[in-house]
Amino acid sequence: MCQFRPSEWETIRDAMDIDTKRICTSLIATGMRYAELQRFRENPDWLDGKFIYLHPSQDAAIEEAKKVKFF
């Protein structure tokens, strides 16, 4: 994991083209992963004005089903 100071982030962001800047800013502002952002873009009804409701992907559901609880 990498953390930037605000001034470092601004320097990096200023060097990006407009599309990359928009994507990176969205990822940082929402905390989403890139795949989640792509699914959200395809499903704008997940935003109700206040909250973003992310539905787990099929792969995530399969991985969750594979987990075994140990006591």
N, C-alpha and C. Protein backbone atom coordinates (compact mmCIF):
# COMPACT_ATOMS: atom_id res chain seq x y z
N MET A 1 0.85 -1.17 0.00
CA MET A 1 0.00 0.00 0.00
C MET A 1 0.90 1.24 0.00
N CYS A 2 0.48 2.22 -0.72
CA CYS A 2 1.25 3.44 -0.82
C CYS A 2 0.39 4.62 -0.37
N GLN A 3 0.97 5.49 0.40
CA GLN A 3 0.24 6.67 0.85
C GLN A 3 0.98 7.91 0.38
N PHE A 4 0.21 8.88 -0.08
CA PHE A 4 0.79 10.14 -0.54
C PHE A 4 0.35 11.29 0.34
N ARG A 5 1.20 12.25 0.48
CA ARG A 5 0.81 13.50 1.10
C ARG A 5 -0.04 14.26 0.09
N PRO A 6 -0.90 15.18 0.54
CA PRO A 6 -1.72 15.93 -0.40
C PRO A 6 -0.92 16.61 -1.51
N SER A 7 0.22 17.16 -1.18
CA SER A 7 1.03 17.83 -2.21
C SER A 7 1.59 16.82 -3.22
N GLU A 8 1.95 15.62 -2.75
CA GLU A 8 2.45 14.59 -3.66
C GLU A 8 1.33 14.12 -4.60
N TRP A 9 0.14 13.92 -4.03
CA TRP A 9 -0.99 13.50 -4.84
C TRP A 9 -1.33 14.56 -5.90
N GLU A 10 -1.29 15.82 -5.52
CA GLU A 10 -1.57 16.89 -6.49
C GLU A 10 -0.56 16.90 -7.62
N THR A 11 0.70 16.65 -7.31
CA THR A 11 1.75 16.61 -8.34
C THR A 11 1.50 15.45 -9.30
N ILE A 12 1.18 14.29 -8.76
CA ILE A 12 0.89 13.12 -9.59
C ILE A 12 -0.37 13.35 -10.41
N ARG A 13 -1.41 13.86 -9.77
CA ARG A 13 -2.68 14.10 -10.46
C ARG A 13 -2.53 15.11 -11.58
N ASP A 14 -1.73 16.14 -11.37
CA ASP A 14 -1.53 17.17 -12.40
C ASP A 14 -0.84 16.62 -13.64
N ALA A 15 -0.10 15.53 -13.49
CA ALA A 15 0.60 14.93 -14.63
C ALA A 15 -0.28 13.97 -15.43
N MET A 16 -1.47 13.67 -14.93
CA MET A 16 -2.36 12.71 -15.60
C MET A 16 -3.20 13.38 -16.68
N ASP A 17 -3.60 12.57 -17.67
CA ASP A 17 -4.56 13.09 -18.65
C ASP A 17 -5.94 13.14 -17.98
N ILE A 18 -6.88 13.83 -18.58
CA ILE A 18 -8.17 14.11 -17.95
C ILE A 18 -8.96 12.85 -17.59
N ASP A 19 -8.94 11.82 -18.46
CA ASP A 19 -9.69 10.60 -18.17
C ASP A 19 -9.09 9.83 -16.99
N THR A 20 -7.77 9.70 -16.97
CA THR A 20 -7.11 9.02 -15.87
C THR A 20 -7.30 9.78 -14.56
N LYS A 21 -7.23 11.09 -14.64
CA LYS A 21 -7.44 11.93 -13.46
C LYS A 21 -8.84 11.71 -12.89
N ARG A 22 -9.84 11.64 -13.76
CA ARG A 22 -11.22 11.45 -13.32
C ARG A 22 -11.38 10.08 -12.64
N ILE A 23 -10.81 9.05 -13.23
CA ILE A 23 -10.92 7.70 -12.67
C ILE A 23 -10.20 7.62 -11.32
N CYS A 24 -8.97 8.11 -11.26
CA CYS A 24 -8.19 8.03 -10.00
C CYS A 24 -8.84 8.85 -8.89
N THR A 25 -9.35 10.00 -9.22
CA THR A 25 -10.02 10.83 -8.21
C THR A 25 -11.27 10.12 -7.70
N SER A 26 -12.02 9.49 -8.59
CA SER A 26 -13.21 8.74 -8.18
C SER A 26 -12.85 7.57 -7.27
N LEU A 27 -11.78 6.85 -7.63
CA LEU A 27 -11.35 5.71 -6.81
C LEU A 27 -10.95 6.16 -5.41
N ILE A 28 -10.22 7.24 -5.33
CA ILE A 28 -9.77 7.73 -4.03
C ILE A 28 -10.93 8.29 -3.21
N ALA A 29 -11.82 9.03 -3.86
CA ALA A 29 -12.94 9.64 -3.15
C ALA A 29 -13.93 8.61 -2.61
N THR A 30 -14.13 7.52 -3.36
CA THR A 30 -15.11 6.52 -2.94
C THR A 30 -14.51 5.35 -2.19
N GLY A 31 -13.21 5.11 -2.39
CA GLY A 31 -12.58 3.95 -1.76
C GLY A 31 -12.88 2.65 -2.50
N MET A 32 -13.46 2.76 -3.69
CA MET A 32 -13.78 1.57 -4.48
C MET A 32 -12.53 1.02 -5.15
N ARG A 33 -12.59 -0.25 -5.47
CA ARG A 33 -11.58 -0.84 -6.33
C ARG A 33 -12.00 -0.55 -7.77
N TYR A 34 -11.07 -0.74 -8.72
CA TYR A 34 -11.37 -0.41 -10.11
C TYR A 34 -12.54 -1.24 -10.64
N ALA A 35 -12.57 -2.53 -10.33
CA ALA A 35 -13.65 -3.39 -10.80
C ALA A 35 -15.00 -2.94 -10.24
N GLU A 36 -15.02 -2.51 -8.97
CA GLU A 36 -16.25 -2.01 -8.37
C GLU A 36 -16.71 -0.74 -9.06
N LEU A 37 -15.77 0.14 -9.39
CA LEU A 37 -16.11 1.38 -10.08
C LEU A 37 -16.68 1.09 -11.46
N GLN A 38 -16.12 0.11 -12.16
CA GLN A 38 -16.65 -0.27 -13.47
C GLN A 38 -18.07 -0.79 -13.36
N ARG A 39 -18.33 -1.67 -12.37
CA ARG A 39 -19.69 -2.19 -12.18
C ARG A 39 -20.65 -1.08 -11.79
N PHE A 40 -20.21 -0.14 -10.97
CA PHE A 40 -21.06 0.97 -10.57
C PHE A 40 -21.41 1.84 -11.78
N ARG A 41 -20.44 2.05 -12.65
CA ARG A 41 -20.68 2.85 -13.85
C ARG A 41 -21.73 2.18 -14.75
N GLU A 42 -21.73 0.86 -14.79
CA GLU A 42 -22.70 0.12 -15.59
C GLU A 42 -24.08 0.05 -14.93
N ASN A 43 -24.15 0.36 -13.62
CA ASN A 43 -25.41 0.26 -12.87
C ASN A 43 -25.66 1.54 -12.08
N PRO A 44 -26.00 2.64 -12.74
CA PRO A 44 -26.18 3.91 -12.03
C PRO A 44 -27.34 3.90 -11.03
N ASP A 45 -28.24 2.93 -11.13
CA ASP A 45 -29.34 2.84 -10.18
C ASP A 45 -28.88 2.42 -8.78
N TRP A 46 -27.61 2.02 -8.65
CA TRP A 46 -27.08 1.68 -7.33
C TRP A 46 -26.90 2.91 -6.45
N LEU A 47 -26.95 4.09 -7.02
CA LEU A 47 -26.82 5.33 -6.25
C LEU A 47 -28.20 5.89 -6.01
N ASP A 48 -28.56 6.08 -4.75
CA ASP A 48 -29.90 6.62 -4.46
C ASP A 48 -29.87 8.09 -4.09
N GLY A 49 -28.75 8.74 -4.24
CA GLY A 49 -28.64 10.16 -3.90
C GLY A 49 -27.85 10.38 -2.62
N LYS A 50 -27.85 9.38 -1.75
CA LYS A 50 -27.13 9.49 -0.49
C LYS A 50 -26.11 8.36 -0.32
N PHE A 51 -26.46 7.18 -0.79
CA PHE A 51 -25.62 6.01 -0.59
C PHE A 51 -25.36 5.32 -1.92
N ILE A 52 -24.26 4.60 -1.98
CA ILE A 52 -23.95 3.75 -3.11
C ILE A 52 -24.10 2.31 -2.63
N TYR A 53 -24.98 1.57 -3.26
CA TYR A 53 -25.21 0.19 -2.90
C TYR A 53 -24.48 -0.70 -3.90
N LEU A 54 -23.40 -1.34 -3.46
CA LEU A 54 -22.64 -2.24 -4.32
C LEU A 54 -23.10 -3.66 -4.06
N HIS A 55 -23.46 -4.34 -5.12
CA HIS A 55 -23.87 -5.72 -5.02
C HIS A 55 -22.64 -6.59 -5.30
N PRO A 56 -22.43 -7.61 -4.51
CA PRO A 56 -21.24 -8.44 -4.72
C PRO A 56 -21.27 -9.10 -6.09
N SER A 57 -20.11 -9.26 -6.67
CA SER A 57 -20.02 -9.92 -7.96
C SER A 57 -20.24 -11.41 -7.78
N GLN A 58 -20.46 -12.10 -8.86
CA GLN A 58 -20.65 -13.56 -8.82
C GLN A 58 -19.41 -14.23 -8.25
N ASP A 59 -18.22 -13.75 -8.65
CA ASP A 59 -16.98 -14.33 -8.14
C ASP A 59 -16.86 -14.16 -6.64
N ALA A 60 -17.25 -12.99 -6.14
CA ALA A 60 -17.18 -12.75 -4.70
C ALA A 60 -18.14 -13.65 -3.95
N ALA A 61 -19.32 -13.89 -4.51
CA ALA A 61 -20.29 -14.77 -3.87
C ALA A 61 -19.76 -16.20 -3.80
N ILE A 62 -19.10 -16.63 -4.87
CA ILE A 62 -18.52 -17.97 -4.89
C ILE A 62 -17.41 -18.09 -3.86
N GLU A 63 -16.54 -17.09 -3.79
CA GLU A 63 -15.44 -17.11 -2.82
C GLU A 63 -15.99 -17.10 -1.39
N GLU A 64 -17.05 -16.33 -1.15
CA GLU A 64 -17.65 -16.26 0.18
C GLU A 64 -18.22 -17.63 0.56
N ALA A 65 -18.81 -18.32 -0.40
CA ALA A 65 -19.38 -19.64 -0.14
C ALA A 65 -18.31 -20.67 0.16
N LYS A 66 -17.11 -20.47 -0.36
CA LYS A 66 -16.00 -21.41 -0.13
C LYS A 66 -15.40 -21.27 1.26
N LYS A 67 -15.62 -20.13 1.91
CA LYS A 67 -15.00 -19.91 3.22
C LYS A 67 -15.62 -20.84 4.25
N VAL A 68 -14.77 -21.33 5.11
CA VAL A 68 -15.22 -22.22 6.17
C VAL A 68 -14.92 -21.53 7.50
N LYS A 69 -15.90 -21.54 8.37
CA LYS A 69 -15.73 -20.90 9.67
C LYS A 69 -15.08 -21.89 10.65
N PHE A 70 -14.01 -21.45 11.25
CA PHE A 70 -13.36 -22.25 12.27
C PHE A 70 -13.60 -21.60 13.62
N PHE A 71 -13.93 -22.42 14.59
CA PHE A 71 -14.23 -21.87 15.92
C PHE A 71 -13.06 -21.98 16.83
